[in-house]
């Protein structure tokens, strides 16, 4: 049995969370809460 709970090192501001469109694998769309953050972190373009 495993349990994990941790805060982000830099949390997202709930005030910046807005509804946005998510396109599923089958092409259908749904409206979901999208978090947003400007940040500096590790990234890779592959």
ModelCIF file with pLDDT and N, C-alpha, C, O atoms, coordinates in Angstrom:
data_MODEL
#
_entry.id   MODEL 
#
_entity.id                         1 
_entity.type                       polymer 
_entity.pdbx_number_of_molecules   1 
#
_entity_poly.entity_id                      1 
_entity_poly.type                           'polypeptide(L)' 
_entity_poly.nstd_linkage                   no 
_entity_poly.nstd_monomer                   no 
_entity_poly.pdbx_seq_one_letter_code       
;(UNK)(UNK)(UNK)(UNK)(UNK)(UNK)(UNK)(UNK)(UNK)(UNK)(UNK)(UNK)(UNK)(UNK)(UNK)(UNK)
(UNK)(UNK)(UNK)(UNK)(UNK)(UNK)(UNK)(UNK)(UNK)(UNK)(UNK)(UNK)(UNK)(UNK)(UNK)(UNK)
(UNK)(UNK)(UNK)(UNK)(UNK)(UNK)(UNK)(UNK)(UNK)(UNK)(UNK)(UNK)(UNK)(UNK)
;
_entity_poly.pdbx_seq_one_letter_code_can   XXXXXXXXXXXXXXXXXXXXXXXXXXXXXXXXXXXXXXXXXXXXXX 
_entity_poly.pdbx_strand_id                 A 
#
loop_
_entity_poly_seq.entity_id 
_entity_poly_seq.num 
_entity_poly_seq.mon_id 
_entity_poly_seq.hetero 
1 1  UNK n 
1 2  UNK n 
1 3  UNK n 
1 4  UNK n 
1 5  UNK n 
1 6  UNK n 
1 7  UNK n 
1 8  UNK n 
1 9  UNK n 
1 10 UNK n 
1 11 UNK n 
1 12 UNK n 
1 13 UNK n 
1 14 UNK n 
1 15 UNK n 
1 16 UNK n 
1 17 UNK n 
1 18 UNK n 
1 19 UNK n 
1 20 UNK n 
1 21 UNK n 
1 22 UNK n 
1 23 UNK n 
1 24 UNK n 
1 25 UNK n 
1 26 UNK n 
1 27 UNK n 
1 28 UNK n 
1 29 UNK n 
1 30 UNK n 
1 31 UNK n 
1 32 UNK n 
1 33 UNK n 
1 34 UNK n 
1 35 UNK n 
1 36 UNK n 
1 37 UNK n 
1 38 UNK n 
1 39 UNK n 
1 40 UNK n 
1 41 UNK n 
1 42 UNK n 
1 43 UNK n 
1 44 UNK n 
1 45 UNK n 
1 46 UNK n 
#
_struct_asym.id          A 
_struct_asym.entity_id   1 
#
loop_
_ma_qa_metric.id 
_ma_qa_metric.mode 
_ma_qa_metric.name 
_ma_qa_metric.software_group_id 
_ma_qa_metric.type 
1 global pLDDT . pLDDT 
2 local  pLDDT . pLDDT 
#
_ma_qa_metric_global.metric_id      1 
_ma_qa_metric_global.metric_value   90.65 
_ma_qa_metric_global.model_id       1 
_ma_qa_metric_global.ordinal_id     1 
#
loop_
_ma_qa_metric_local.label_asym_id 
_ma_qa_metric_local.label_comp_id 
_ma_qa_metric_local.label_seq_id 
_ma_qa_metric_local.metric_id 
_ma_qa_metric_local.metric_value 
_ma_qa_metric_local.model_id 
_ma_qa_metric_local.ordinal_id 
A UNK 1  2 94.00 1 1  
A UNK 2  2 87.00 1 2  
A UNK 3  2 89.00 1 3  
A UNK 4  2 87.00 1 4  
A UNK 5  2 88.00 1 5  
A UNK 6  2 87.00 1 6  
A UNK 7  2 91.00 1 7  
A UNK 8  2 90.00 1 8  
A UNK 9  2 89.00 1 9  
A UNK 10 2 87.00 1 10 
A UNK 11 2 93.00 1 11 
A UNK 12 2 94.00 1 12 
A UNK 13 2 96.00 1 13 
A UNK 14 2 96.00 1 14 
A UNK 15 2 96.00 1 15 
A UNK 16 2 95.00 1 16 
A UNK 17 2 94.00 1 17 
A UNK 18 2 93.00 1 18 
A UNK 19 2 92.00 1 19 
A UNK 20 2 90.00 1 20 
A UNK 21 2 90.00 1 21 
A UNK 22 2 91.00 1 22 
A UNK 23 2 90.00 1 23 
A UNK 24 2 90.00 1 24 
A UNK 25 2 88.00 1 25 
A UNK 26 2 87.00 1 26 
A UNK 27 2 88.00 1 27 
A UNK 28 2 89.00 1 28 
A UNK 29 2 88.00 1 29 
A UNK 30 2 91.00 1 30 
A UNK 31 2 90.00 1 31 
A UNK 32 2 92.00 1 32 
A UNK 33 2 92.00 1 33 
A UNK 34 2 91.00 1 34 
A UNK 35 2 91.00 1 35 
A UNK 36 2 92.00 1 36 
A UNK 37 2 92.00 1 37 
A UNK 38 2 91.00 1 38 
A UNK 39 2 90.00 1 39 
A UNK 40 2 91.00 1 40 
A UNK 41 2 92.00 1 41 
A UNK 42 2 89.00 1 42 
A UNK 43 2 91.00 1 43 
A UNK 44 2 88.00 1 44 
A UNK 45 2 89.00 1 45 
A UNK 46 2 89.00 1 46 
#
loop_
_atom_site.group_PDB 
_atom_site.id 
_atom_site.type_symbol 
_atom_site.label_atom_id 
_atom_site.label_alt_id 
_atom_site.label_comp_id 
_atom_site.label_asym_id 
_atom_site.label_entity_id 
_atom_site.label_seq_id 
_atom_site.pdbx_PDB_ins_code 
_atom_site.Cartn_x 
_atom_site.Cartn_y 
_atom_site.Cartn_z 
_atom_site.occupancy 
_atom_site.B_iso_or_equiv 
_atom_site.pdbx_formal_charge 
_atom_site.auth_seq_id 
_atom_site.auth_comp_id 
_atom_site.auth_asym_id 
_atom_site.auth_atom_id 
_atom_site.pdbx_PDB_model_num 
ATOM 1   N N  . UNK A 1 1  ? 0.843   -1.191 0.000   1.00 94.00 ? 1  UNK A N  1 
ATOM 2   C CA . UNK A 1 1  ? 0.000   0.000  0.000   1.00 94.00 ? 1  UNK A CA 1 
ATOM 3   C C  . UNK A 1 1  ? 0.879   1.242  0.000   1.00 94.00 ? 1  UNK A C  1 
ATOM 4   O O  . UNK A 1 1  ? 1.871   1.316  0.725   1.00 94.00 ? 1  UNK A O  1 
ATOM 5   N N  . UNK A 1 2  ? 0.507   2.206  -0.812  1.00 87.00 ? 2  UNK A N  1 
ATOM 6   C CA . UNK A 1 2  ? 1.303   3.418  -0.988  1.00 87.00 ? 2  UNK A CA 1 
ATOM 7   C C  . UNK A 1 2  ? 0.414   4.642  -0.853  1.00 87.00 ? 2  UNK A C  1 
ATOM 8   O O  . UNK A 1 2  ? -0.719  4.659  -1.333  1.00 87.00 ? 2  UNK A O  1 
ATOM 9   N N  . UNK A 1 3  ? 0.942   5.666  -0.196  1.00 89.00 ? 3  UNK A N  1 
ATOM 10  C CA . UNK A 1 3  ? 0.217   6.932  -0.107  1.00 89.00 ? 3  UNK A CA 1 
ATOM 11  C C  . UNK A 1 3  ? 1.188   8.094  -0.317  1.00 89.00 ? 3  UNK A C  1 
ATOM 12  O O  . UNK A 1 3  ? 2.294   8.103  0.222   1.00 89.00 ? 3  UNK A O  1 
ATOM 13  N N  . UNK A 1 4  ? 0.753   9.066  -1.106  1.00 87.00 ? 4  UNK A N  1 
ATOM 14  C CA . UNK A 1 4  ? 1.589   10.230 -1.424  1.00 87.00 ? 4  UNK A CA 1 
ATOM 15  C C  . UNK A 1 4  ? 0.732   11.482 -1.411  1.00 87.00 ? 4  UNK A C  1 
ATOM 16  O O  . UNK A 1 4  ? -0.336  11.519 -2.022  1.00 87.00 ? 4  UNK A O  1 
ATOM 17  N N  . UNK A 1 5  ? 1.196   12.492 -0.721  1.00 88.00 ? 5  UNK A N  1 
ATOM 18  C CA . UNK A 1 5  ? 0.532   13.788 -0.771  1.00 88.00 ? 5  UNK A CA 1 
ATOM 19  C C  . UNK A 1 5  ? 1.604   14.863 -0.638  1.00 88.00 ? 5  UNK A C  1 
ATOM 20  O O  . UNK A 1 5  ? 2.386   14.849 0.313   1.00 88.00 ? 5  UNK A O  1 
ATOM 21  N N  . UNK A 1 6  ? 1.642   15.797 -1.591  1.00 87.00 ? 6  UNK A N  1 
ATOM 22  C CA . UNK A 1 6  ? 2.661   16.838 -1.549  1.00 87.00 ? 6  UNK A CA 1 
ATOM 23  C C  . UNK A 1 6  ? 2.171   18.090 -2.247  1.00 87.00 ? 6  UNK A C  1 
ATOM 24  O O  . UNK A 1 6  ? 1.442   18.027 -3.237  1.00 87.00 ? 6  UNK A O  1 
ATOM 25  N N  . UNK A 1 7  ? 2.579   19.219 -1.718  1.00 91.00 ? 7  UNK A N  1 
ATOM 26  C CA . UNK A 1 7  ? 2.314   20.492 -2.364  1.00 91.00 ? 7  UNK A CA 1 
ATOM 27  C C  . UNK A 1 7  ? 3.330   20.728 -3.471  1.00 91.00 ? 7  UNK A C  1 
ATOM 28  O O  . UNK A 1 7  ? 4.466   20.258 -3.405  1.00 91.00 ? 7  UNK A O  1 
ATOM 29  N N  . UNK A 1 8  ? 2.902   21.463 -4.485  1.00 90.00 ? 8  UNK A N  1 
ATOM 30  C CA . UNK A 1 8  ? 3.860   21.905 -5.484  1.00 90.00 ? 8  UNK A CA 1 
ATOM 31  C C  . UNK A 1 8  ? 4.893   22.800 -4.812  1.00 90.00 ? 8  UNK A C  1 
ATOM 32  O O  . UNK A 1 8  ? 4.585   23.487 -3.838  1.00 90.00 ? 8  UNK A O  1 
ATOM 33  N N  . UNK A 1 9  ? 6.102   22.793 -5.324  1.00 89.00 ? 9  UNK A N  1 
ATOM 34  C CA . UNK A 1 9  ? 7.098   23.724 -4.814  1.00 89.00 ? 9  UNK A CA 1 
ATOM 35  C C  . UNK A 1 9  ? 6.626   25.162 -5.034  1.00 89.00 ? 9  UNK A C  1 
ATOM 36  O O  . UNK A 1 9  ? 6.884   26.045 -4.217  1.00 89.00 ? 9  UNK A O  1 
ATOM 37  N N  . UNK A 1 10 ? 5.933   25.379 -6.147  1.00 87.00 ? 10 UNK A N  1 
ATOM 38  C CA . UNK A 1 10 ? 5.300   26.674 -6.408  1.00 87.00 ? 10 UNK A CA 1 
ATOM 39  C C  . UNK A 1 10 ? 3.859   26.401 -6.810  1.00 87.00 ? 10 UNK A C  1 
ATOM 40  O O  . UNK A 1 10 ? 3.583   25.895 -7.898  1.00 87.00 ? 10 UNK A O  1 
ATOM 41  N N  . UNK A 1 11 ? 2.951   26.747 -5.912  1.00 93.00 ? 11 UNK A N  1 
ATOM 42  C CA . UNK A 1 11 ? 1.546   26.448 -6.124  1.00 93.00 ? 11 UNK A CA 1 
ATOM 43  C C  . UNK A 1 11 ? 0.939   27.327 -7.219  1.00 93.00 ? 11 UNK A C  1 
ATOM 44  O O  . UNK A 1 11 ? 1.446   28.403 -7.535  1.00 93.00 ? 11 UNK A O  1 
ATOM 45  N N  . UNK A 1 12 ? -0.141  26.842 -7.775  1.00 94.00 ? 12 UNK A N  1 
ATOM 46  C CA . UNK A 1 12 ? -0.918  27.614 -8.739  1.00 94.00 ? 12 UNK A CA 1 
ATOM 47  C C  . UNK A 1 12 ? -1.876  28.533 -7.974  1.00 94.00 ? 12 UNK A C  1 
ATOM 48  O O  . UNK A 1 12 ? -2.401  28.164 -6.923  1.00 94.00 ? 12 UNK A O  1 
ATOM 49  N N  . UNK A 1 13 ? -2.087  29.697 -8.501  1.00 96.00 ? 13 UNK A N  1 
ATOM 50  C CA . UNK A 1 13 ? -3.014  30.646 -7.902  1.00 96.00 ? 13 UNK A CA 1 
ATOM 51  C C  . UNK A 1 13 ? -4.438  30.263 -8.323  1.00 96.00 ? 13 UNK A C  1 
ATOM 52  O O  . UNK A 1 13 ? -4.754  30.305 -9.512  1.00 96.00 ? 13 UNK A O  1 
ATOM 53  N N  . UNK A 1 14 ? -5.310  29.887 -7.362  1.00 96.00 ? 14 UNK A N  1 
ATOM 54  C CA . UNK A 1 14 ? -6.683  29.507 -7.726  1.00 96.00 ? 14 UNK A CA 1 
ATOM 55  C C  . UNK A 1 14 ? -7.433  30.591 -8.483  1.00 96.00 ? 14 UNK A C  1 
ATOM 56  O O  . UNK A 1 14 ? -8.347  30.298 -9.254  1.00 96.00 ? 14 UNK A O  1 
ATOM 57  N N  . UNK A 1 15 ? -7.046  31.849 -8.261  1.00 96.00 ? 15 UNK A N  1 
ATOM 58  C CA . UNK A 1 15 ? -7.724  32.955 -8.946  1.00 96.00 ? 15 UNK A CA 1 
ATOM 59  C C  . UNK A 1 15 ? -7.463  32.944 -10.444 1.00 96.00 ? 15 UNK A C  1 
ATOM 60  O O  . UNK A 1 15 ? -8.224  33.520 -11.222 1.00 96.00 ? 15 UNK A O  1 
ATOM 61  N N  . UNK A 1 16 ? -6.377  32.282 -10.842 1.00 95.00 ? 16 UNK A N  1 
ATOM 62  C CA . UNK A 1 16 ? -6.037  32.213 -12.268 1.00 95.00 ? 16 UNK A CA 1 
ATOM 63  C C  . UNK A 1 16 ? -6.646  30.979 -12.951 1.00 95.00 ? 16 UNK A C  1 
ATOM 64  O O  . UNK A 1 16 ? -6.567  30.837 -14.171 1.00 95.00 ? 16 UNK A O  1 
ATOM 65  N N  . UNK A 1 17 ? -7.243  30.103 -12.166 1.00 94.00 ? 17 UNK A N  1 
ATOM 66  C CA . UNK A 1 17 ? -7.882  28.918 -12.744 1.00 94.00 ? 17 UNK A CA 1 
ATOM 67  C C  . UNK A 1 17 ? -9.171  29.324 -13.438 1.00 94.00 ? 17 UNK A C  1 
ATOM 68  O O  . UNK A 1 17 ? -10.045 29.945 -12.834 1.00 94.00 ? 17 UNK A O  1 
ATOM 69  N N  . UNK A 1 18 ? -9.280  28.972 -14.698 1.00 93.00 ? 18 UNK A N  1 
ATOM 70  C CA . UNK A 1 18 ? -10.449 29.333 -15.495 1.00 93.00 ? 18 UNK A CA 1 
ATOM 71  C C  . UNK A 1 18 ? -10.933 28.128 -16.294 1.00 93.00 ? 18 UNK A C  1 
ATOM 72  O O  . UNK A 1 18 ? -10.155 27.232 -16.622 1.00 93.00 ? 18 UNK A O  1 
ATOM 73  N N  . UNK A 1 19 ? -12.216 28.121 -16.599 1.00 92.00 ? 19 UNK A N  1 
ATOM 74  C CA . UNK A 1 19 ? -12.754 27.055 -17.440 1.00 92.00 ? 19 UNK A CA 1 
ATOM 75  C C  . UNK A 1 19 ? -12.135 27.135 -18.829 1.00 92.00 ? 19 UNK A C  1 
ATOM 76  O O  . UNK A 1 19 ? -11.982 28.216 -19.396 1.00 92.00 ? 19 UNK A O  1 
ATOM 77  N N  . UNK A 1 20 ? -11.786 25.981 -19.361 1.00 90.00 ? 20 UNK A N  1 
ATOM 78  C CA . UNK A 1 20 ? -11.225 25.915 -20.705 1.00 90.00 ? 20 UNK A CA 1 
ATOM 79  C C  . UNK A 1 20 ? -11.701 24.656 -21.397 1.00 90.00 ? 20 UNK A C  1 
ATOM 80  O O  . UNK A 1 20 ? -12.333 23.800 -20.777 1.00 90.00 ? 20 UNK A O  1 
ATOM 81  N N  . UNK A 1 21 ? -11.404 24.541 -22.663 1.00 90.00 ? 21 UNK A N  1 
ATOM 82  C CA . UNK A 1 21 ? -11.854 23.396 -23.463 1.00 90.00 ? 21 UNK A CA 1 
ATOM 83  C C  . UNK A 1 21 ? -10.769 22.327 -23.522 1.00 90.00 ? 21 UNK A C  1 
ATOM 84  O O  . UNK A 1 21 ? -9.613  22.615 -23.830 1.00 90.00 ? 21 UNK A O  1 
ATOM 85  N N  . UNK A 1 22 ? -11.153 21.102 -23.225 1.00 91.00 ? 22 UNK A N  1 
ATOM 86  C CA . UNK A 1 22 ? -10.248 19.957 -23.355 1.00 91.00 ? 22 UNK A CA 1 
ATOM 87  C C  . UNK A 1 22 ? -10.789 19.054 -24.452 1.00 91.00 ? 22 UNK A C  1 
ATOM 88  O O  . UNK A 1 22 ? -11.949 18.643 -24.413 1.00 91.00 ? 22 UNK A O  1 
ATOM 89  N N  . UNK A 1 23 ? -9.937  18.746 -25.438 1.00 90.00 ? 23 UNK A N  1 
ATOM 90  C CA . UNK A 1 23 ? -10.329 17.872 -26.550 1.00 90.00 ? 23 UNK A CA 1 
ATOM 91  C C  . UNK A 1 23 ? -9.888  16.448 -26.255 1.00 90.00 ? 23 UNK A C  1 
ATOM 92  O O  . UNK A 1 23 ? -8.691  16.177 -26.162 1.00 90.00 ? 23 UNK A O  1 
ATOM 93  N N  . UNK A 1 24 ? -10.823 15.551 -26.109 1.00 90.00 ? 24 UNK A N  1 
ATOM 94  C CA . UNK A 1 24 ? -10.535 14.166 -25.763 1.00 90.00 ? 24 UNK A CA 1 
ATOM 95  C C  . UNK A 1 24 ? -9.936  13.416 -26.940 1.00 90.00 ? 24 UNK A C  1 
ATOM 96  O O  . UNK A 1 24 ? -9.873  13.929 -28.058 1.00 90.00 ? 24 UNK A O  1 
ATOM 97  N N  . UNK A 1 25 ? -9.499  12.195 -26.671 1.00 88.00 ? 25 UNK A N  1 
ATOM 98  C CA . UNK A 1 25 ? -8.857  11.375 -27.698 1.00 88.00 ? 25 UNK A CA 1 
ATOM 99  C C  . UNK A 1 25 ? -9.792  11.115 -28.876 1.00 88.00 ? 25 UNK A C  1 
ATOM 100 O O  . UNK A 1 25 ? -9.346  11.017 -30.019 1.00 88.00 ? 25 UNK A O  1 
ATOM 101 N N  . UNK A 1 26 ? -11.073 11.005 -28.597 1.00 87.00 ? 26 UNK A N  1 
ATOM 102 C CA . UNK A 1 26 ? -12.035 10.740 -29.679 1.00 87.00 ? 26 UNK A CA 1 
ATOM 103 C C  . UNK A 1 26 ? -12.503 12.008 -30.384 1.00 87.00 ? 26 UNK A C  1 
ATOM 104 O O  . UNK A 1 26 ? -13.366 11.946 -31.260 1.00 87.00 ? 26 UNK A O  1 
ATOM 105 N N  . UNK A 1 27 ? -11.941 13.156 -30.011 1.00 88.00 ? 27 UNK A N  1 
ATOM 106 C CA . UNK A 1 27 ? -12.286 14.410 -30.667 1.00 88.00 ? 27 UNK A CA 1 
ATOM 107 C C  . UNK A 1 27 ? -13.393 15.193 -29.986 1.00 88.00 ? 27 UNK A C  1 
ATOM 108 O O  . UNK A 1 27 ? -13.648 16.341 -30.349 1.00 88.00 ? 27 UNK A O  1 
ATOM 109 N N  . UNK A 1 28 ? -14.054 14.595 -29.009 1.00 89.00 ? 28 UNK A N  1 
ATOM 110 C CA . UNK A 1 28 ? -15.115 15.314 -28.290 1.00 89.00 ? 28 UNK A CA 1 
ATOM 111 C C  . UNK A 1 28 ? -14.497 16.368 -27.376 1.00 89.00 ? 28 UNK A C  1 
ATOM 112 O O  . UNK A 1 28 ? -13.354 16.238 -26.938 1.00 89.00 ? 28 UNK A O  1 
ATOM 113 N N  . UNK A 1 29 ? -15.275 17.411 -27.099 1.00 88.00 ? 29 UNK A N  1 
ATOM 114 C CA . UNK A 1 29 ? -14.778 18.508 -26.286 1.00 88.00 ? 29 UNK A CA 1 
ATOM 115 C C  . UNK A 1 29 ? -15.574 18.620 -24.992 1.00 88.00 ? 29 UNK A C  1 
ATOM 116 O O  . UNK A 1 29 ? -16.769 18.326 -24.958 1.00 88.00 ? 29 UNK A O  1 
ATOM 117 N N  . UNK A 1 30 ? -14.898 19.049 -23.924 1.00 91.00 ? 30 UNK A N  1 
ATOM 118 C CA . UNK A 1 30 ? -15.557 19.277 -22.643 1.00 91.00 ? 30 UNK A CA 1 
ATOM 119 C C  . UNK A 1 30 ? -14.943 20.499 -21.990 1.00 91.00 ? 30 UNK A C  1 
ATOM 120 O O  . UNK A 1 30 ? -13.808 20.871 -22.289 1.00 91.00 ? 30 UNK A O  1 
ATOM 121 N N  . UNK A 1 31 ? -15.695 21.118 -21.100 1.00 90.00 ? 31 UNK A N  1 
ATOM 122 C CA . UNK A 1 31 ? -15.217 22.288 -20.372 1.00 90.00 ? 31 UNK A CA 1 
ATOM 123 C C  . UNK A 1 31 ? -14.721 21.852 -19.001 1.00 90.00 ? 31 UNK A C  1 
ATOM 124 O O  . UNK A 1 31 ? -15.465 21.251 -18.226 1.00 90.00 ? 31 UNK A O  1 
ATOM 125 N N  . UNK A 1 32 ? -13.460 22.158 -18.703 1.00 92.00 ? 32 UNK A N  1 
ATOM 126 C CA . UNK A 1 32 ? -12.851 21.741 -17.438 1.00 92.00 ? 32 UNK A CA 1 
ATOM 127 C C  . UNK A 1 32 ? -12.084 22.913 -16.831 1.00 92.00 ? 32 UNK A C  1 
ATOM 128 O O  . UNK A 1 32 ? -11.695 23.831 -17.553 1.00 92.00 ? 32 UNK A O  1 
ATOM 129 N N  . UNK A 1 33 ? -11.857 22.897 -15.495 1.00 92.00 ? 33 UNK A N  1 
ATOM 130 C CA . UNK A 1 33 ? -11.059 23.957 -14.877 1.00 92.00 ? 33 UNK A CA 1 
ATOM 131 C C  . UNK A 1 33 ? -9.584  23.809 -15.246 1.00 92.00 ? 33 UNK A C  1 
ATOM 132 O O  . UNK A 1 33 ? -8.979  22.768 -14.989 1.00 92.00 ? 33 UNK A O  1 
ATOM 133 N N  . UNK A 1 34 ? -9.010  24.840 -15.844 1.00 91.00 ? 34 UNK A N  1 
ATOM 134 C CA . UNK A 1 34 ? -7.609  24.823 -16.283 1.00 91.00 ? 34 UNK A CA 1 
ATOM 135 C C  . UNK A 1 34 ? -6.782  25.743 -15.385 1.00 91.00 ? 34 UNK A C  1 
ATOM 136 O O  . UNK A 1 34 ? -7.058  26.938 -15.278 1.00 91.00 ? 34 UNK A O  1 
ATOM 137 N N  . UNK A 1 35 ? -5.766  25.171 -14.745 1.00 91.00 ? 35 UNK A N  1 
ATOM 138 C CA . UNK A 1 35 ? -4.848  25.948 -13.917 1.00 91.00 ? 35 UNK A CA 1 
ATOM 139 C C  . UNK A 1 35 ? -3.826  26.637 -14.816 1.00 91.00 ? 35 UNK A C  1 
ATOM 140 O O  . UNK A 1 35 ? -3.548  26.171 -15.921 1.00 91.00 ? 35 UNK A O  1 
ATOM 141 N N  . UNK A 1 36 ? -3.275  27.736 -14.342 1.00 92.00 ? 36 UNK A N  1 
ATOM 142 C CA . UNK A 1 36 ? -2.313  28.495 -15.157 1.00 92.00 ? 36 UNK A CA 1 
ATOM 143 C C  . UNK A 1 36 ? -1.237  29.082 -14.263 1.00 92.00 ? 36 UNK A C  1 
ATOM 144 O O  . UNK A 1 36 ? -1.502  29.528 -13.147 1.00 92.00 ? 36 UNK A O  1 
ATOM 145 N N  . UNK A 1 37 ? 0.002   29.069 -14.789 1.00 92.00 ? 37 UNK A N  1 
ATOM 146 C CA . UNK A 1 37 ? 1.116   29.637 -14.037 1.00 92.00 ? 37 UNK A CA 1 
ATOM 147 C C  . UNK A 1 37 ? 2.248   30.026 -14.977 1.00 92.00 ? 37 UNK A C  1 
ATOM 148 O O  . UNK A 1 37 ? 2.607   29.261 -15.872 1.00 92.00 ? 37 UNK A O  1 
ATOM 149 N N  . UNK A 1 38 ? 2.817   31.224 -14.772 1.00 91.00 ? 38 UNK A N  1 
ATOM 150 C CA . UNK A 1 38 ? 4.059   31.607 -15.431 1.00 91.00 ? 38 UNK A CA 1 
ATOM 151 C C  . UNK A 1 38 ? 5.186   31.129 -14.530 1.00 91.00 ? 38 UNK A C  1 
ATOM 152 O O  . UNK A 1 38 ? 5.229   31.498 -13.357 1.00 91.00 ? 38 UNK A O  1 
ATOM 153 N N  . UNK A 1 39 ? 6.083   30.332 -15.041 1.00 90.00 ? 39 UNK A N  1 
ATOM 154 C CA . UNK A 1 39 ? 7.107   29.773 -14.164 1.00 90.00 ? 39 UNK A CA 1 
ATOM 155 C C  . UNK A 1 39 ? 8.391   29.449 -14.905 1.00 90.00 ? 39 UNK A C  1 
ATOM 156 O O  . UNK A 1 39 ? 8.434   29.352 -16.132 1.00 90.00 ? 39 UNK A O  1 
ATOM 157 N N  . UNK A 1 40 ? 9.418   29.290 -14.118 1.00 91.00 ? 40 UNK A N  1 
ATOM 158 C CA . UNK A 1 40 ? 10.715  28.843 -14.611 1.00 91.00 ? 40 UNK A CA 1 
ATOM 159 C C  . UNK A 1 40 ? 10.946  27.444 -14.053 1.00 91.00 ? 40 UNK A C  1 
ATOM 160 O O  . UNK A 1 40 ? 10.923  27.229 -12.841 1.00 91.00 ? 40 UNK A O  1 
ATOM 161 N N  . UNK A 1 41 ? 11.162  26.522 -14.939 1.00 92.00 ? 41 UNK A N  1 
ATOM 162 C CA . UNK A 1 41 ? 11.310  25.131 -14.518 1.00 92.00 ? 41 UNK A CA 1 
ATOM 163 C C  . UNK A 1 41 ? 12.030  24.353 -15.609 1.00 92.00 ? 41 UNK A C  1 
ATOM 164 O O  . UNK A 1 41 ? 12.402  24.919 -16.637 1.00 92.00 ? 41 UNK A O  1 
ATOM 165 N N  . UNK A 1 42 ? 12.227  23.063 -15.390 1.00 89.00 ? 42 UNK A N  1 
ATOM 166 C CA . UNK A 1 42 ? 12.859  22.221 -16.401 1.00 89.00 ? 42 UNK A CA 1 
ATOM 167 C C  . UNK A 1 42 ? 11.864  21.871 -17.501 1.00 89.00 ? 42 UNK A C  1 
ATOM 168 O O  . UNK A 1 42 ? 10.726  21.490 -17.228 1.00 89.00 ? 42 UNK A O  1 
ATOM 169 N N  . UNK A 1 43 ? 12.313  22.004 -18.754 1.00 91.00 ? 43 UNK A N  1 
ATOM 170 C CA . UNK A 1 43 ? 11.465  21.846 -19.929 1.00 91.00 ? 43 UNK A CA 1 
ATOM 171 C C  . UNK A 1 43 ? 12.283  21.184 -21.022 1.00 91.00 ? 43 UNK A C  1 
ATOM 172 O O  . UNK A 1 43 ? 13.507  21.312 -21.053 1.00 91.00 ? 43 UNK A O  1 
ATOM 173 N N  . UNK A 1 44 ? 11.605  20.474 -21.922 1.00 88.00 ? 44 UNK A N  1 
ATOM 174 C CA . UNK A 1 44 ? 12.289  19.898 -23.085 1.00 88.00 ? 44 UNK A CA 1 
ATOM 175 C C  . UNK A 1 44 ? 11.364  19.934 -24.288 1.00 88.00 ? 44 UNK A C  1 
ATOM 176 O O  . UNK A 1 44 ? 10.192  19.569 -24.197 1.00 88.00 ? 44 UNK A O  1 
ATOM 177 N N  . UNK A 1 45 ? 11.905  20.380 -25.423 1.00 89.00 ? 45 UNK A N  1 
ATOM 178 C CA . UNK A 1 45 ? 11.212  20.291 -26.700 1.00 89.00 ? 45 UNK A CA 1 
ATOM 179 C C  . UNK A 1 45 ? 11.841  19.130 -27.448 1.00 89.00 ? 45 UNK A C  1 
ATOM 180 O O  . UNK A 1 45 ? 13.033  19.147 -27.756 1.00 89.00 ? 45 UNK A O  1 
ATOM 181 N N  . UNK A 1 46 ? 11.031  18.124 -27.737 1.00 89.00 ? 46 UNK A N  1 
ATOM 182 C CA . UNK A 1 46 ? 11.528  16.860 -28.262 1.00 89.00 ? 46 UNK A CA 1 
ATOM 183 C C  . UNK A 1 46 ? 10.903  16.544 -29.605 1.00 89.00 ? 46 UNK A C  1 
ATOM 184 O O  . UNK A 1 46 ? 11.207  15.511 -30.200 1.00 89.00 ? 46 UNK A O  1 
#
